[in-house]
PDB file of N, CA and C in Angstrom:
ATOM      1  N   MET A   1       0.920  -1.114  -0.090  1.00  0.00           N
ATOM      2  CA  MET A   1      -0.016  -0.132  -0.071  1.00  0.00           C
ATOM      3  C   MET A   1       0.856   1.293   0.125  1.00  0.00           C
ATOM      4  N   GLU A   2       2.055   1.056   0.685  1.00  0.00           N
ATOM      5  CA  GLU A   2       2.894   2.421   0.745  1.00  0.00           C
ATOM      6  C   GLU A   2       3.245   2.962  -0.498  1.00  0.00           C
ATOM      7  N   LEU A   3       3.633   1.897  -1.608  1.00  0.00           N
ATOM      8  CA  LEU A   3       3.906   2.356  -2.964  1.00  0.00           C
ATOM      9  C   LEU A   3       2.660   3.078  -3.515  1.00  0.00           C
ATOM     10  N   TYR A   4       1.379   2.503  -3.520  1.00  0.00           N
ATOM     11  CA  TYR A   4       0.091   3.298  -4.060  1.00  0.00           C
ATOM     12  C   TYR A   4       0.309   5.002  -3.325  1.00  0.00           C
ATOM     13  N   GLU A   5       0.294   4.795  -1.969  1.00  0.00           N
ATOM     14  CA  GLU A   5       0.135   6.201  -1.252  1.00  0.00           C
ATOM     15  C   GLU A   5       1.241   6.992  -1.762  1.00  0.00           C
ATOM     16  N   ARG A   6       2.651   6.442  -2.214  1.00  0.00           N
ATOM     17  CA  ARG A   6       3.757   7.338  -2.380  1.00  0.00           C
ATOM     18  C   ARG A   6       3.498   7.885  -3.941  1.00  0.00           C
ATOM     19  N   TRP A   7       3.210   6.943  -4.939  1.00  0.00           N
ATOM     20  CA  TRP A   7       3.212   7.266  -6.316  1.00  0.00           C
ATOM     21  C   TRP A   7       2.016   7.405  -7.111  1.00  0.00           C
ATOM     22  N   LEU A   8       0.951   6.986  -6.479  1.00  0.00           N
ATOM     23  CA  LEU A   8      -0.317   7.177  -7.302  1.00  0.00           C
ATOM     24  C   LEU A   8      -1.035   8.567  -6.908  1.00  0.00           C
ATOM     25  N   SER A   9      -0.968   9.447  -8.000  1.00  0.00           N
ATOM     26  CA  SER A   9      -1.548  10.732  -7.944  1.00  0.00           C
ATOM     27  C   SER A   9      -2.155  11.090  -9.304  1.00  0.00           C
ATOM     28  N   PRO A  10      -3.268  11.893  -9.139  1.00  0.00           N
ATOM     29  CA  PRO A  10      -3.792  12.306 -10.636  1.00  0.00           C
ATOM     30  C   PRO A  10      -2.773  13.180 -11.347  1.00  0.00           C
ATOM     31  N   GLU A  11      -1.778  13.458 -10.773  1.00  0.00           N
ATOM     32  CA  GLU A  11      -0.897  14.371 -11.536  1.00  0.00           C
ATOM     33  C   GLU A  11       0.213  13.573 -12.199  1.00  0.00           C
ATOM     34  N   SER A  12       0.355  12.349 -11.679  1.00  0.00           N
ATOM     35  CA  SER A  12       1.426  11.535 -12.199  1.00  0.00           C
ATOM     36  C   SER A  12       0.876  10.735 -13.699  1.00  0.00           C
ATOM     37  N   PHE A  13      -0.437  10.452 -13.736  1.00  0.00           N
ATOM     38  CA  PHE A  13      -1.003   9.631 -14.790  1.00  0.00           C
ATOM     39  C   PHE A  13      -2.072  10.368 -15.478  1.00  0.00           C
ATOM     40  N   SER A  14      -2.430   9.870 -16.845  1.00  0.00           N
ATOM     41  CA  SER A  14      -3.666  10.204 -17.492  1.00  0.00           C
ATOM     42  C   SER A  14      -4.823   9.907 -16.487  1.00  0.00           C
ATOM     43  N   ARG A  15      -5.960  10.543 -16.635  1.00  0.00           N
ATOM     44  CA  ARG A  15      -7.121  10.308 -15.984  1.00  0.00           C
ATOM     45  C   ARG A  15      -7.495   8.836 -16.082  1.00  0.00           C
ATOM     46  N   ARG A  16      -7.399   8.323 -17.261  1.00  0.00           N
ATOM     47  CA  ARG A  16      -7.806   7.096 -17.497  1.00  0.00           C
ATOM     48  C   ARG A  16      -7.042   5.967 -16.891  1.00  0.00           C
ATOM     49  N   ASP A  17      -5.558   6.079 -16.836  1.00  0.00           N
ATOM     50  CA  ASP A  17      -4.576   5.291 -16.191  1.00  0.00           C
ATOM     51  C   ASP A  17      -4.853   5.514 -14.729  1.00  0.00           C
ATOM     52  N   TYR A  18      -5.047   6.509 -13.998  1.00  0.00           N
ATOM     53  CA  TYR A  18      -5.161   6.750 -12.778  1.00  0.00           C
ATOM     54  C   TYR A  18      -6.277   6.142 -12.216  1.00  0.00           C
ATOM     55  N   GLY A  19      -7.471   6.137 -13.109  1.00  0.00           N
ATOM     56  CA  GLY A  19      -8.799   5.450 -12.561  1.00  0.00           C
ATOM     57  C   GLY A  19      -8.413   3.810 -12.532  1.00  0.00           C
ATOM     58  N   TYR A  20      -7.630   3.511 -13.609  1.00  0.00           N
ATOM     59  CA  TYR A  20      -7.509   1.969 -13.567  1.00  0.00           C
ATOM     60  C   TYR A  20      -6.565   1.718 -12.367  1.00  0.00           C
ATOM     61  N   PHE A  21      -5.336   2.363 -12.057  1.00  0.00           N
ATOM     62  CA  PHE A  21      -4.543   1.972 -10.861  1.00  0.00           C
ATOM     63  C   PHE A  21      -5.295   2.368  -9.289  1.00  0.00           C
ATOM     64  N   LEU A  22      -6.214   3.269  -9.523  1.00  0.00           N
ATOM     65  CA  LEU A  22      -6.950   3.548  -8.342  1.00  0.00           C
ATOM     66  C   LEU A  22      -7.860   2.069  -8.030  1.00  0.00           C
ATOM     67  N   SER A  23      -8.279   1.564  -9.225  1.00  0.00           N
ATOM     68  CA  SER A  23      -9.032   0.338  -9.043  1.00  0.00           C
ATOM     69  C   SER A  23      -8.359  -0.767  -8.525  1.00  0.00           C
ATOM     70  N   LEU A  24      -7.075  -0.865  -8.815  1.00  0.00           N
ATOM     71  CA  LEU A  24      -6.184  -1.898  -8.349  1.00  0.00           C
ATOM     72  C   LEU A  24      -5.745  -1.653  -6.868  1.00  0.00           C
ATOM     73  N   LYS A  25      -5.746  -0.314  -6.503  1.00  0.00           N
ATOM     74  CA  LYS A  25      -5.347  -0.034  -5.086  1.00  0.00           C
ATOM     75  C   LYS A  25      -6.686  -0.535  -4.388  1.00  0.00           C
ATOM     76  N   SER A  26      -7.971  -0.269  -4.821  1.00  0.00           N
ATOM     77  CA  SER A  26      -9.180  -0.597  -4.207  1.00  0.00           C
ATOM     78  C   SER A  26      -9.119  -2.263  -3.744  1.00  0.00           C
ATOM     79  N   GLU A  27      -8.608  -2.938  -4.758  1.00  0.00           N
ATOM     80  CA  GLU A  27      -8.465  -4.241  -4.633  1.00  0.00           C
ATOM     81  C   GLU A  27      -7.550  -4.858  -3.454  1.00  0.00           C
ATOM     82  N   ALA A  28      -6.478  -3.891  -3.562  1.00  0.00           N
ATOM     83  CA  ALA A  28      -5.247  -4.180  -2.385  1.00  0.00           C
ATOM     84  C   ALA A  28      -5.987  -3.806  -0.979  1.00  0.00           C
ATOM     85  N   PHE A  29      -6.897  -2.768  -0.905  1.00  0.00           N
ATOM     86  CA  PHE A  29      -7.618  -2.719   0.312  1.00  0.00           C
ATOM     87  C   PHE A  29      -8.471  -3.872   0.727  1.00  0.00           C
ATOM     88  N   VAL A  30      -9.052  -4.499  -0.298  1.00  0.00           N
ATOM     89  CA  VAL A  30      -9.794  -5.530   0.156  1.00  0.00           C
ATOM     90  C   VAL A  30      -8.935  -6.835   0.782  1.00  0.00           C
ATOM     91  N   ALA A  31      -7.796  -7.039   0.024  1.00  0.00           N
ATOM     92  CA  ALA A  31      -6.945  -7.886   0.739  1.00  0.00           C
ATOM     93  C   ALA A  31      -6.510  -7.636   1.949  1.00  0.00           C
ATOM     94  N   MET A  32      -6.420  -6.303   2.428  1.00  0.00           N
ATOM     95  CA  MET A  32      -6.124  -5.751   3.771  1.00  0.00           C
ATOM     96  C   MET A  32      -7.209  -5.851   4.531  1.00  0.00           C
ATOM     97  N   GLU A  33      -8.425  -6.230   4.128  1.00  0.00           N
ATOM     98  CA  GLU A  33      -9.630  -6.395   4.891  1.00  0.00           C
ATOM     99  C   GLU A  33     -10.023  -4.750   5.257  1.00  0.00           C
ATOM    100  N   ARG A  34      -9.898  -3.906   4.343  1.00  0.00           N
ATOM    101  CA  ARG A  34     -10.390  -2.661   4.663  1.00  0.00           C
ATOM    102  C   ARG A  34     -11.473  -2.130   3.843  1.00  0.00           C
ATOM    103  N   PRO A  35     -12.753  -2.815   3.818  1.00  0.00           N
ATOM    104  CA  PRO A  35     -13.873  -2.664   2.913  1.00  0.00           C
ATOM    105  C   PRO A  35     -14.157  -1.209   2.432  1.00  0.00           C
ATOM    106  N   ASP A  36     -14.213  -0.228   3.522  1.00  0.00           N
ATOM    107  CA  ASP A  36     -14.635   0.983   3.372  1.00  0.00           C
ATOM    108  C   ASP A  36     -13.779   1.820   2.613  1.00  0.00           C
ATOM    109  N   SER A  37     -12.298   1.760   2.799  1.00  0.00           N
ATOM    110  CA  SER A  37     -11.356   2.089   2.040  1.00  0.00           C
ATOM    111  C   SER A  37     -11.524   1.762   0.419  1.00  0.00           C
ATOM    112  N   ALA A  38     -11.755   0.401   0.338  1.00  0.00           N
ATOM    113  CA  ALA A  38     -11.803  -0.098  -1.044  1.00  0.00           C
ATOM    114  C   ALA A  38     -13.009   0.379  -1.756  1.00  0.00           C
ATOM    115  N   ALA A  39     -14.045   0.357  -1.041  1.00  0.00           N
ATOM    116  CA  ALA A  39     -15.399   1.024  -1.675  1.00  0.00           C
ATOM    117  C   ALA A  39     -15.283   2.541  -1.959  1.00  0.00           C
ATOM    118  N   MET A  40     -14.552   3.384  -1.154  1.00  0.00           N
ATOM    119  CA  MET A  40     -14.467   4.761  -1.423  1.00  0.00           C
ATOM    120  C   MET A  40     -13.458   5.032  -2.588  1.00  0.00           C
ATOM    121  N   ASN A  41     -12.608   4.144  -2.775  1.00  0.00           N
ATOM    122  CA  ASN A  41     -11.439   4.367  -3.918  1.00  0.00           C
ATOM    123  C   ASN A  41     -12.146   3.729  -5.187  1.00  0.00           C
ATOM    124  N   GLY A  42     -12.921   2.588  -5.007  1.00  0.00           N
ATOM    125  CA  GLY A  42     -13.745   1.951  -6.113  1.00  0.00           C
ATOM    126  C   GLY A  42     -14.712   3.052  -6.647  1.00  0.00           C
ATOM    127  N   LEU A  43     -15.379   3.903  -5.720  1.00  0.00           N
ATOM    128  CA  LEU A  43     -16.482   4.877  -6.168  1.00  0.00           C
ATOM    129  C   LEU A  43     -15.530   5.868  -7.168  1.00  0.00           C
ATOM    130  N   GLU A  44     -14.559   6.277  -6.703  1.00  0.00           N
ATOM    131  CA  GLU A  44     -13.757   7.423  -7.521  1.00  0.00           C
ATOM    132  C   GLU A  44     -13.221   6.654  -9.019  1.00  0.00           C
ATOM    133  N   ALA A  45     -12.799   5.544  -8.854  1.00  0.00           N
ATOM    134  CA  ALA A  45     -12.276   4.793  -9.962  1.00  0.00           C
ATOM    135  C   ALA A  45     -13.440   4.727 -10.884  1.00  0.00           C
ATOM    136  N   LEU A  46     -14.655   4.323 -10.442  1.00  0.00           N
ATOM    137  CA  LEU A  46     -15.778   4.027 -11.225  1.00  0.00           C
ATOM    138  C   LEU A  46     -16.250   5.250 -11.899  1.00  0.00           C
ATOM    139  N   ALA A  47     -16.110   6.526 -11.305  1.00  0.00           N
ATOM    140  CA  ALA A  47     -16.384   7.722 -11.807  1.00  0.00           C
ATOM    141  C   ALA A  47     -15.270   8.156 -13.026  1.00  0.00           C
ATOM    142  N   LEU A  48     -14.072   7.835 -12.910  1.00  0.00           N
ATOM    143  CA  LEU A  48     -13.158   8.014 -13.757  1.00  0.00           C
ATOM    144  C   LEU A  48     -13.304   6.956 -14.952  1.00  0.00           C
ATOM    145  N   ALA A  49     -13.657   5.790 -14.622  1.00  0.00           N
ATOM    146  CA  ALA A  49     -13.986   4.905 -15.720  1.00  0.00           C
ATOM    147  C   ALA A  49     -15.060   5.332 -16.651  1.00  0.00           C
ATOM    148  N   ARG A  50     -16.231   5.919 -16.146  1.00  0.00           N
ATOM    149  CA  ARG A  50     -17.239   6.310 -16.921  1.00  0.00           C
ATOM    150  C   ARG A  50     -16.976   7.696 -17.695  1.00  0.00           C
ATOM    151  N   GLU A  51     -16.123   8.432 -17.090  1.00  0.00           N
ATOM    152  CA  GLU A  51     -15.725   9.749 -17.609  1.00  0.00           C
ATOM    153  C   GLU A  51     -14.690   9.487 -19.117  1.00  0.00           C
ATOM    154  N   THR A  52     -13.968   8.405 -18.791  1.00  0.00           N
ATOM    155  CA  THR A  52     -13.161   8.255 -19.735  1.00  0.00           C
ATOM    156  C   THR A  52     -13.199   6.879 -20.668  1.00  0.00           C
ATOM    157  N   ASN A  53     -14.517   6.422 -20.269  1.00  0.00           N
ATOM    158  CA  ASN A  53     -14.912   5.272 -21.226  1.00  0.00           C
ATOM    159  C   ASN A  53     -14.077   4.037 -20.999  1.00  0.00           C
ATOM    160  N   SER A  54     -13.476   3.817 -19.984  1.00  0.00           N
ATOM    161  CA  SER A  54     -12.584   2.888 -19.763  1.00  0.00           C
ATOM    162  C   SER A  54     -13.159   1.515 -19.244  1.00  0.00           C
ATOM    163  N   ALA A  55     -13.311   0.590 -20.389  1.00  0.00           N
ATOM    164  CA  ALA A  55     -13.732  -0.745 -20.119  1.00  0.00           C
ATOM    165  C   ALA A  55     -13.078  -1.346 -19.173  1.00  0.00           C
ATOM    166  N   ARG A  56     -11.514  -1.356 -19.222  1.00  0.00           N
ATOM    167  CA  ARG A  56     -10.757  -2.141 -18.317  1.00  0.00           C
ATOM    168  C   ARG A  56     -10.761  -1.645 -17.056  1.00  0.00           C
ATOM    169  N   THR A  57     -11.029  -0.572 -16.673  1.00  0.00           N
ATOM    170  CA  THR A  57     -11.245  -0.061 -15.265  1.00  0.00           C
ATOM    171  C   THR A  57     -12.646  -0.506 -14.860  1.00  0.00           C
ATOM    172  N   HIS A  58     -13.639  -0.518 -15.544  1.00  0.00           N
ATOM    173  CA  HIS A  58     -14.953  -0.941 -15.219  1.00  0.00           C
ATOM    174  C   HIS A  58     -14.971  -2.437 -14.874  1.00  0.00           C
ATOM    175  N   ARG A  59     -14.215  -3.283 -15.633  1.00  0.00           N
ATOM    176  CA  ARG A  59     -14.016  -4.574 -15.271  1.00  0.00           C
ATOM    177  C   ARG A  59     -13.582  -4.885 -13.980  1.00  0.00           C
ATOM    178  N   GLU A  60     -12.492  -3.879 -13.717  1.00  0.00           N
ATOM    179  CA  GLU A  60     -11.835  -4.119 -12.309  1.00  0.00           C
ATOM    180  C   GLU A  60     -12.963  -3.805 -11.311  1.00  0.00           C
ATOM    181  N   ILE A  61     -13.735  -2.858 -11.431  1.00  0.00           N
ATOM    182  CA  ILE A  61     -14.736  -2.326 -10.610  1.00  0.00           C
ATOM    183  C   ILE A  61     -15.641  -3.602 -10.292  1.00  0.00           C
ATOM    184  N   LEU A  62     -16.123  -4.137 -11.457  1.00  0.00           N
ATOM    185  CA  LEU A  62     -17.043  -5.370 -11.199  1.00  0.00           C
ATOM    186  C   LEU A  62     -16.401  -6.453 -10.511  1.00  0.00           C
ATOM    187  N   ARG A  63     -15.019  -6.561 -10.626  1.00  0.00           N
ATOM    188  CA  ARG A  63     -14.339  -7.576  -9.724  1.00  0.00           C
ATOM    189  C   ARG A  63     -14.361  -7.070  -8.452  1.00  0.00           C
ATOM    190  N   LEU A  64     -14.090  -5.841  -7.948  1.00  0.00           N
ATOM    191  CA  LEU A  64     -14.081  -5.345  -6.691  1.00  0.00           C
ATOM    192  C   LEU A  64     -15.225  -5.516  -6.092  1.00  0.00           C
ATOM    193  N   VAL A  65     -16.401  -5.443  -6.766  1.00  0.00           N
ATOM    194  CA  VAL A  65     -17.685  -5.428  -6.076  1.00  0.00           C
ATOM    195  C   VAL A  65     -17.819  -7.078  -5.768  1.00  0.00           C
ATOM    196  N   GLY A  66     -17.422  -7.754  -6.397  1.00  0.00           N
ATOM    197  CA  GLY A  66     -17.319  -9.369  -6.115  1.00  0.00           C
ATOM    198  C   GLY A  66     -16.621  -9.739  -4.926  1.00  0.00           C
ATOM    199  N   LYS A  67     -15.455  -9.143  -4.796  1.00  0.00           N
ATOM    200  CA  LYS A  67     -14.592  -9.315  -3.847  1.00  0.00           C
ATOM    201  C   LYS A  67     -15.095  -8.688  -2.564  1.00  0.00           C
ATOM    202  N   LEU A  68     -15.873  -7.786  -2.484  1.00  0.00           N
ATOM    203  CA  LEU A  68     -16.372  -6.932  -1.383  1.00  0.00           C
ATOM    204  C   LEU A  68     -17.825  -7.569  -0.804  1.00  0.00           C
ATOM    205  N   ARG A  69     -18.089  -8.623  -1.584  1.00  0.00           N
ATOM    206  CA  ARG A  69     -19.456  -9.305  -1.379  1.00  0.00           C
ATOM    207  C   ARG A  69     -19.630  -9.594   0.228  1.00  0.00           C
ATOM    208  N   ARG A  70     -18.663 -10.177   0.687  1.00  0.00           N
ATOM    209  CA  ARG A  70     -18.857 -10.426   2.422  1.00  0.00           C
ATOM    210  C   ARG A  70     -19.182  -9.327   3.254  1.00  0.00           C
ATOM    211  N   TRP A  71     -18.784  -8.181   2.808  1.00  0.00           N
ATOM    212  CA  TRP A  71     -19.042  -6.851   3.610  1.00  0.00           C
ATOM    213  C   TRP A  71     -20.217  -6.191   2.843  1.00  0.00           C
ATOM    214  N   ARG A  72     -21.133  -6.883   2.287  1.00  0.00           N
ATOM    215  CA  ARG A  72     -22.220  -6.241   1.485  1.00  0.00           C
ATOM    216  C   ARG A  72     -23.156  -5.369   2.176  1.00  0.00           C
ATOM    217  N   GLN A  73     -23.219  -5.506   3.518  1.00  0.00           N
ATOM    218  CA  GLN A  73     -24.177  -4.847   4.567  1.00  0.00           C
ATOM    219  C   GLN A  73     -23.493  -3.602   4.920  1.00  0.00           C
ATOM    220  N   ARG A  74     -22.200  -3.382   4.596  1.00  0.00           N
ATOM    221  CA  ARG A  74     -21.734  -2.066   5.016  1.00  0.00           C
ATOM    222  C   ARG A  74     -22.234  -0.885   4.176  1.00  0.00           C
ATOM    223  N   GLU A  75     -22.510   0.177   4.418  1.00  0.00           N
ATOM    224  CA  GLU A  75     -22.971   1.188   3.822  1.00  0.00           C
ATOM    225  C   GLU A  75     -22.179   1.773   2.650  1.00  0.00           C
ATOM    226  N   SER A  76     -20.856   1.771   2.793  1.00  0.00           N
ATOM    227  CA  SER A  76     -19.999   2.032   1.847  1.00  0.00           C
ATOM    228  C   SER A  76     -20.028   1.080   0.515  1.00  0.00           C
ATOM    229  N   VAL A  77     -20.100  -0.174   0.877  1.00  0.00           N
ATOM    230  CA  VAL A  77     -20.058  -1.232  -0.145  1.00  0.00           C
ATOM    231  C   VAL A  77     -21.365  -1.174  -0.827  1.00  0.00           C
ATOM    232  N   ARG A  78     -22.447  -1.091  -0.180  1.00  0.00           N
ATOM    233  CA  ARG A  78     -23.775  -0.869  -0.791  1.00  0.00           C
ATOM    234  C   ARG A  78     -23.683   0.299  -1.682  1.00  0.00           C
ATOM    235  N   GLU A  79     -23.179   1.549  -1.412  1.00  0.00           N
ATOM    236  CA  GLU A  79     -23.272   2.541  -2.206  1.00  0.00           C
ATOM    237  C   GLU A  79     -22.467   2.302  -3.361  1.00  0.00           C
ATOM    238  N   LEU A  80     -21.147   1.649  -3.362  1.00  0.00           N
ATOM    239  CA  LEU A  80     -20.531   1.218  -4.393  1.00  0.00           C
ATOM    240  C   LEU A  80     -21.219   0.452  -5.583  1.00  0.00           C
ATOM    241  N   ARG A  81     -21.738  -0.653  -4.898  1.00  0.00           N
ATOM    242  CA  ARG A  81     -22.706  -1.582  -5.583  1.00  0.00           C
ATOM    243  C   ARG A  81     -23.903  -0.900  -6.321  1.00  0.00           C
ATOM    244  N   HIS A  82     -24.456   0.092  -5.757  1.00  0.00           N
ATOM    245  CA  HIS A  82     -25.483   0.808  -6.355  1.00  0.00           C
ATOM    246  C   HIS A  82     -25.056   1.645  -7.476  1.00  0.00           C
ATOM    247  N   ALA A  83     -23.805   2.262  -7.122  1.00  0.00           N
ATOM    248  CA  ALA A  83     -23.312   3.158  -8.276  1.00  0.00           C
ATOM    249  C   ALA A  83     -22.874   2.476  -9.549  1.00  0.00           C
ATOM    250  N   VAL A  84     -22.614   1.010  -9.233  1.00  0.00           N
ATOM    251  CA  VAL A  84     -22.137   0.158 -10.507  1.00  0.00           C
ATOM    252  C   VAL A  84     -23.566  -0.191 -11.206  1.00  0.00           C
ATOM    253  N   LEU A  85     -24.413  -0.388 -10.435  1.00  0.00           N
ATOM    254  CA  LEU A  85     -25.817  -0.803 -11.149  1.00  0.00           C
ATOM    255  C   LEU A  85     -26.539   0.417 -11.679  1.00  0.00           C
ATOM    256  N   ALA A  86     -26.110   1.606 -11.425  1.00  0.00           N
ATOM    257  CA  ALA A  86     -26.839   2.715 -12.033  1.00  0.00           C
ATOM    258  C   ALA A  86     -26.588   3.121 -13.312  1.00  0.00           C
TER     259      ALA A  86
END
């Protein structure tokens, strides 16, 4: 996670690539069992995926929602799931 925090910024990448790497960071939060952080970053990545028309990032967000299934009752996870379905 330290590498994401150190190097991942909107200024370092195109918006499209930033969204993709943000989606991967979200999945790292899942591995660390931090569902709220995963969902929050996932929402931002989803917005960028839609803005940039990135199917690659959208696929990662769909994967993220699946990985967050065990925390589906958490408000942040429900918010992400609803945003994906919207």
